[in-house]
């Protein structure tokens, strides 16, 4: 099979595509031929050596999100069949042409959802749904989403709106019309963020920080209860200000809920696609930040 690997920590250019042996499913696992794979900030941090608690053995594969087709069953698997279209989470081996995963963690891909979009939903769906539940966002809330145009922000905005909440989203000016389309009131990030939020006439009651870069300090300055300021992007600021680290964890059930909404066109996720051979370019785009939606590798057309 083909897999993105790196032989040392460093910039995107350390990545290469290598030929390796196909993995074989253990009992209770299935092998999936991957059609599309997501790229996320966690991958960037691992590749740069900024996750010392993650075990890395060179040459190291990478990637946490996949969508593809089951092509082999391990012993004891009865819930899936060869040919089933699926998606889900893995660990440090998703940016490849094949992966083995526990059958219990696999989510069925609806026929109306294409593989790139399915892969794009995996991490963002689980993160956004978990964060909104931890922060107890309801129809009485005004949610401030920092980094609202990214993959997690894109889903958080739409899920909060579906729950009846009003949403303010921070983004660069180029993404303000996009946020309006999602149902959020856009504001620019930066030094004028607090003033811009107040100018909307809405009073935020809860915050999800998917951007870092001073977002928590700005949320505190807006008078939001620190118990309802959550971040997935800035551990140090959370500790400094007494805000919450949102670590909801993976949940195939929550992922399936979002996948069903996407299949019904109740929410959307823009995809920026790169072929697997351009994995370094895809990582560079994610590392640069400020993008809209999700970066996805097309492994098999």
Protein backbone atom coordinates (compact mmCIF):
# COMPACT_ATOMS: atom_id res chain seq x y z
CA UNK A 1 0.00 0.00 0.00
CA UNK A 2 0.96 3.68 -0.20
CA UNK A 3 1.33 5.69 3.00
CA UNK A 4 2.46 9.15 4.04
CA UNK A 5 5.49 8.74 6.33
CA UNK A 6 8.20 10.90 7.87
CA UNK A 7 11.71 9.92 9.02
CA UNK A 8 12.39 12.86 11.33
CA UNK A 9 10.49 15.67 12.99
CA UNK A 10 10.25 18.88 11.02
CA UNK A 11 8.37 20.98 8.46
CA UNK A 12 5.91 19.58 5.89
CA UNK A 13 8.79 18.70 3.58
CA UNK A 14 9.83 15.79 5.82
CA UNK A 15 6.76 13.91 4.57
CA UNK A 16 6.99 11.43 1.71
CA UNK A 17 4.80 8.72 0.23
CA UNK A 18 6.23 5.23 0.73
CA UNK A 19 5.25 1.74 -0.40
CA UNK A 20 4.58 -0.55 2.56
CA UNK A 21 2.96 -3.92 3.14
CA UNK A 22 -0.82 -4.10 3.41
CA UNK A 23 -1.98 -4.36 7.04
CA UNK A 24 -3.90 -7.49 8.03
CA UNK A 25 -6.97 -7.22 10.27
CA UNK A 26 -6.81 -8.81 13.69
CA UNK A 27 -9.87 -10.54 15.22
CA UNK A 28 -12.62 -7.97 15.58
CA UNK A 29 -11.05 -5.63 13.00
CA UNK A 30 -11.70 -4.79 9.37
CA UNK A 31 -9.38 -3.53 6.66
CA UNK A 32 -10.52 -0.42 4.82
CA UNK A 33 -9.28 0.70 1.42
CA UNK A 34 -9.11 4.43 1.96
CA UNK A 35 -10.56 6.79 -0.62
CA UNK A 36 -10.04 10.04 1.30
CA UNK A 37 -8.22 11.06 4.50
CA UNK A 38 -8.45 14.19 6.63
CA UNK A 39 -5.53 16.37 7.71
CA UNK A 40 -5.77 18.13 11.07
CA UNK A 41 -3.65 20.28 13.42
CA UNK A 42 -2.91 17.22 15.57
CA UNK A 43 -1.09 15.70 12.58
CA UNK A 44 0.98 18.87 12.23
CA UNK A 45 1.94 18.82 15.90
CA UNK A 46 2.96 15.14 15.79
CA UNK A 47 5.03 15.69 12.65
CA UNK A 48 6.77 18.67 14.25
CA UNK A 49 7.60 16.69 17.41
CA UNK A 50 5.33 18.80 19.60
CA UNK A 51 3.43 15.83 21.06
CA UNK A 52 6.05 14.12 23.28
CA UNK A 53 3.41 11.85 24.84
CA UNK A 54 2.63 10.34 21.42
CA UNK A 55 4.83 7.35 20.62
CA UNK A 56 6.62 7.83 17.29
CA UNK A 57 8.76 5.18 15.59
CA UNK A 58 10.51 6.21 12.37
CA UNK A 59 9.58 5.81 9.60
CA UNK A 60 6.29 6.97 11.10
CA UNK A 61 2.91 7.01 9.39
CA UNK A 62 0.43 9.76 10.15
CA UNK A 63 -3.28 10.60 9.96
CA UNK A 64 -6.38 10.16 12.14
CA UNK A 65 -9.36 10.35 9.76
CA UNK A 66 -10.43 8.11 6.89
CA UNK A 67 -13.31 7.23 4.60
CA UNK A 68 -13.24 4.21 2.34
CA UNK A 69 -14.48 0.71 1.54
CA UNK A 70 -14.16 -2.43 3.66
CA UNK A 71 -12.13 -5.03 1.74
CA UNK A 72 -11.30 -7.66 4.38
CA UNK A 73 -12.84 -8.87 7.64
CA UNK A 74 -11.01 -10.11 10.70
CA UNK A 75 -12.20 -13.17 12.57
CA UNK A 76 -15.46 -12.70 14.41
CA UNK A 77 -16.69 -9.65 12.50
CA UNK A 78 -20.36 -10.04 11.61
CA UNK A 79 -21.61 -6.45 11.65
CA UNK A 80 -19.86 -5.42 8.43
CA UNK A 81 -19.34 -6.91 5.00
CA UNK A 82 -16.75 -6.55 2.26
CA UNK A 83 -17.83 -3.64 0.09
CA UNK A 84 -19.38 -1.58 2.87
CA UNK A 85 -18.60 2.13 2.61
CA UNK A 86 -17.42 3.48 5.97
CA UNK A 87 -15.59 6.25 7.80
CA UNK A 88 -14.03 6.73 11.19
CA UNK A 89 -11.07 7.54 13.39
CA UNK A 90 -7.69 5.86 13.61
CA UNK A 91 -4.31 6.74 15.10
CA UNK A 92 -1.21 7.75 13.14
CA UNK A 93 -1.99 5.66 10.05
CA UNK A 94 -4.94 7.24 8.24
CA UNK A 95 -3.11 9.03 5.41
CA UNK A 96 -2.57 5.83 3.47
CA UNK A 97 -4.31 3.59 0.97
CA UNK A 98 -5.36 1.04 3.62
CA UNK A 99 -5.94 0.87 7.35
CA UNK A 100 -7.13 -1.73 9.86
CA UNK A 101 -9.56 -0.58 12.54
CA UNK A 102 -11.86 -2.17 15.15
CA UNK A 103 -15.20 -2.96 13.55
CA UNK A 104 -16.99 -1.50 16.56
CA UNK A 105 -15.52 1.95 15.83
CA UNK A 106 -16.58 2.12 12.20
CA UNK A 107 -19.43 4.38 11.04
CA UNK A 108 -21.46 3.58 7.94
CA UNK A 109 -21.20 6.13 5.13
CA UNK A 110 -24.58 7.07 3.65
CA UNK A 111 -24.80 6.58 -0.11
CA UNK A 112 -25.54 10.27 -0.64
CA UNK A 113 -22.33 11.45 1.03
CA UNK A 114 -19.13 11.52 -1.03
CA UNK A 115 -15.88 10.13 0.38
CA UNK A 116 -13.99 13.47 0.70
CA UNK A 117 -16.83 15.06 2.67
CA UNK A 118 -17.15 11.96 4.83
CA UNK A 119 -13.44 12.08 5.71
CA UNK A 120 -13.70 15.82 6.36
CA UNK A 121 -16.37 15.29 9.01
CA UNK A 122 -14.61 12.71 11.17
CA UNK A 123 -12.59 14.72 13.69
CA UNK A 124 -14.52 17.99 13.42
CA UNK A 125 -17.85 16.28 14.08
CA UNK A 126 -16.66 14.50 17.19
CA UNK A 127 -14.87 17.58 18.52
CA UNK A 128 -17.70 20.03 17.84
CA UNK A 129 -20.50 17.84 19.19
CA UNK A 130 -18.50 16.97 22.28
CA UNK A 131 -17.62 20.60 22.95
CA UNK A 132 -21.19 21.86 22.57
CA UNK A 133 -22.42 19.16 24.94
CA UNK A 134 -19.73 19.87 27.53
CA UNK A 135 -20.54 23.58 27.38
CA UNK A 136 -24.28 22.78 27.49
CA UNK A 137 -25.20 25.02 24.55
CA UNK A 138 -29.00 25.40 24.24
CA UNK A 139 -31.56 27.47 22.38
CA UNK A 140 -31.26 30.23 24.98
CA UNK A 141 -27.58 30.84 24.35
CA UNK A 142 -25.50 33.22 22.29
CA UNK A 143 -22.42 31.20 21.33
CA UNK A 144 -19.16 32.94 20.42
CA UNK A 145 -17.03 30.68 18.20
CA UNK A 146 -13.40 31.70 17.76
CA UNK A 147 -12.01 30.34 14.49
CA UNK A 148 -15.50 29.82 13.10
CA UNK A 149 -14.48 29.24 9.47
CA UNK A 150 -12.27 26.22 10.21
CA UNK A 151 -13.54 22.65 10.25
CA UNK A 152 -14.53 22.51 13.94
CA UNK A 153 -15.88 26.04 13.84
CA UNK A 154 -17.89 25.33 10.69
CA UNK A 155 -19.70 22.46 12.37
CA UNK A 156 -20.02 24.17 15.77
CA UNK A 157 -21.77 27.13 14.15
CA UNK A 158 -24.23 24.95 12.26
CA UNK A 159 -24.93 22.54 15.12
CA UNK A 160 -25.53 25.41 17.53
CA UNK A 161 -27.91 27.03 15.07
CA UNK A 162 -29.77 23.72 14.66
CA UNK A 163 -30.08 23.65 18.46
CA UNK A 164 -31.66 27.10 18.37
CA UNK A 165 -28.73 29.15 19.68
CA UNK A 166 -27.61 32.41 18.13
CA UNK A 167 -23.96 32.46 17.03
CA UNK A 168 -21.21 35.02 16.65
CA UNK A 169 -18.18 33.79 14.72
CA UNK A 170 -14.67 35.21 14.44
CA UNK A 171 -12.85 35.01 11.11
CA UNK A 172 -10.84 37.03 8.65
CA UNK A 173 -12.86 39.37 6.39
CA UNK A 174 -12.59 36.97 3.45
CA UNK A 175 -14.71 34.46 5.37
CA UNK A 176 -17.40 36.79 6.71
CA UNK A 177 -19.88 36.07 3.92
CA UNK A 178 -19.24 32.37 4.46
CA UNK A 179 -20.12 32.68 8.16
CA UNK A 180 -23.31 34.54 7.27
CA UNK A 181 -24.26 31.64 5.01
CA UNK A 182 -23.77 29.28 7.95
CA UNK A 183 -26.04 31.43 10.10
CA UNK A 184 -23.47 33.25 12.23
CA UNK A 185 -22.88 36.96 12.80
CA UNK A 186 -19.26 37.49 11.68
CA UNK A 187 -16.71 39.62 13.52
CA UNK A 188 -12.97 40.07 12.84
CA UNK A 189 -10.43 38.59 15.19
CA UNK A 190 -7.57 40.69 16.51
CA UNK A 191 -7.21 43.72 18.77
CA UNK A 192 -10.74 44.99 18.08
CA UNK A 193 -12.48 41.68 18.75
CA UNK A 194 -14.14 42.70 22.02
CA UNK A 195 -15.38 45.98 20.56
CA UNK A 196 -16.63 44.20 17.43
CA UNK A 197 -18.57 41.62 19.43
CA UNK A 198 -20.22 44.33 21.53
CA UNK A 199 -21.14 46.19 18.33
CA UNK A 200 -23.28 43.24 17.18
CA UNK A 201 -25.79 43.99 19.93
CA UNK A 202 -25.61 40.35 21.06
CA UNK A 203 -24.28 39.35 24.49
CA UNK A 204 -22.33 36.06 24.36
CA UNK A 205 -23.21 33.55 27.08
CA UNK A 206 -20.80 30.78 26.07
CA UNK A 207 -17.58 30.49 24.07
CA UNK A 208 -15.87 27.78 22.04
CA UNK A 209 -12.27 28.65 21.17
CA UNK A 210 -10.99 26.77 18.12
CA UNK A 211 -8.33 29.35 17.28
CA UNK A 212 -6.19 30.35 20.27
CA UNK A 213 -4.27 33.61 19.79
CA UNK A 214 -5.88 35.57 22.62
CA UNK A 215 -9.41 34.21 22.17
CA UNK A 216 -9.82 33.18 25.82
CA UNK A 217 -8.63 36.53 27.17
CA UNK A 218 -11.10 38.27 24.88
CA UNK A 219 -13.91 35.99 26.06
CA UNK A 220 -13.09 36.78 29.68
CA UNK A 221 -13.09 40.49 28.86
CA UNK A 222 -16.60 40.09 27.45
CA UNK A 223 -17.78 38.91 30.86
CA UNK A 224 -18.60 35.32 29.91
CA UNK A 225 -18.75 32.88 32.82
CA UNK A 226 -15.37 31.11 32.85
CA UNK A 227 -17.14 27.78 33.35
CA UNK A 228 -18.66 28.31 29.90
CA UNK A 229 -15.46 29.34 28.13
CA UNK A 230 -14.06 26.22 26.47
CA UNK A 231 -11.00 25.78 24.28
CA UNK A 232 -9.63 23.06 22.05
CA UNK A 233 -6.69 25.20 20.98
CA UNK A 234 -4.98 26.95 23.90
CA UNK A 235 -4.21 24.89 27.02
CA UNK A 236 -1.92 27.55 28.50
CA UNK A 237 -4.52 30.31 28.27
CA UNK A 238 -7.17 28.04 29.77
CA UNK A 239 -4.95 27.47 32.79
CA UNK A 240 -4.07 31.15 33.05
CA UNK A 241 -7.67 32.37 32.98
CA UNK A 242 -9.45 29.46 34.65
CA UNK A 243 -11.30 28.46 31.48
CA UNK A 244 -12.16 24.90 30.44
CA UNK A 245 -10.16 22.52 28.31
CA UNK A 246 -12.65 20.71 26.13
CA UNK A 247 -11.54 17.12 25.66
CA UNK A 248 -14.71 15.27 24.68
CA UNK A 249 -12.93 12.29 23.12
CA UNK A 250 -13.96 10.15 20.19
CA UNK A 251 -17.49 8.87 19.77
CA UNK A 252 -18.69 6.89 16.73
CA UNK A 253 -22.26 7.57 17.90
CA UNK A 254 -21.80 11.35 17.81
CA UNK A 255 -20.00 11.08 14.48
CA UNK A 256 -22.91 9.09 13.04
CA UNK A 257 -25.35 11.81 14.13
CA UNK A 258 -23.43 14.48 12.21
CA UNK A 259 -22.94 12.22 9.18
CA UNK A 260 -26.71 11.72 9.03
CA UNK A 261 -27.26 15.50 9.11
CA UNK A 262 -24.72 15.99 6.32
CA UNK A 263 -26.35 13.29 4.19
CA UNK A 264 -29.69 15.13 4.57
CA UNK A 265 -27.96 18.41 3.60
CA UNK A 266 -28.84 19.85 7.02
CA UNK A 267 -25.24 21.00 7.35
CA UNK A 268 -22.25 21.47 5.10
CA UNK A 269 -18.47 21.12 5.17
CA UNK A 270 -16.34 22.72 2.43
CA UNK A 271 -13.43 20.52 1.33
CA UNK A 272 -10.02 21.60 0.05
CA UNK A 273 -8.68 18.50 -1.67
CA UNK A 274 -5.10 17.42 -2.44
CA UNK A 275 -3.86 14.13 -3.92
CA UNK A 276 -1.94 11.89 -1.52
CA UNK A 277 1.24 12.62 -3.50
CA UNK A 278 0.91 16.27 -2.37
CA UNK A 279 0.64 15.44 1.32
CA UNK A 280 3.37 17.95 2.21
CA UNK A 281 1.40 20.75 0.54
CA UNK A 282 -1.75 19.72 2.39
CA UNK A 283 0.08 19.78 5.73
CA UNK A 284 1.53 23.20 4.92
CA UNK A 285 -1.95 24.61 4.34
CA UNK A 286 -3.23 23.23 7.66
CA UNK A 287 -0.13 24.48 9.46
CA UNK A 288 -0.65 27.99 8.06
CA UNK A 289 -4.20 28.16 9.47
CA UNK A 290 -6.93 30.64 8.53
CA UNK A 291 -8.47 28.27 5.97
CA UNK A 292 -12.12 27.54 5.31
CA UNK A 293 -13.56 24.11 6.03
CA UNK A 294 -11.35 21.02 5.89
CA UNK A 295 -8.19 19.89 4.09
CA UNK A 296 -8.56 16.36 2.72
CA UNK A 297 -6.22 14.00 0.87
CA UNK A 298 -7.68 12.11 -2.08
CA UNK A 299 -6.12 8.67 -1.85
CA UNK A 300 -8.16 6.84 -4.48
CA UNK A 301 -10.40 8.84 -6.90
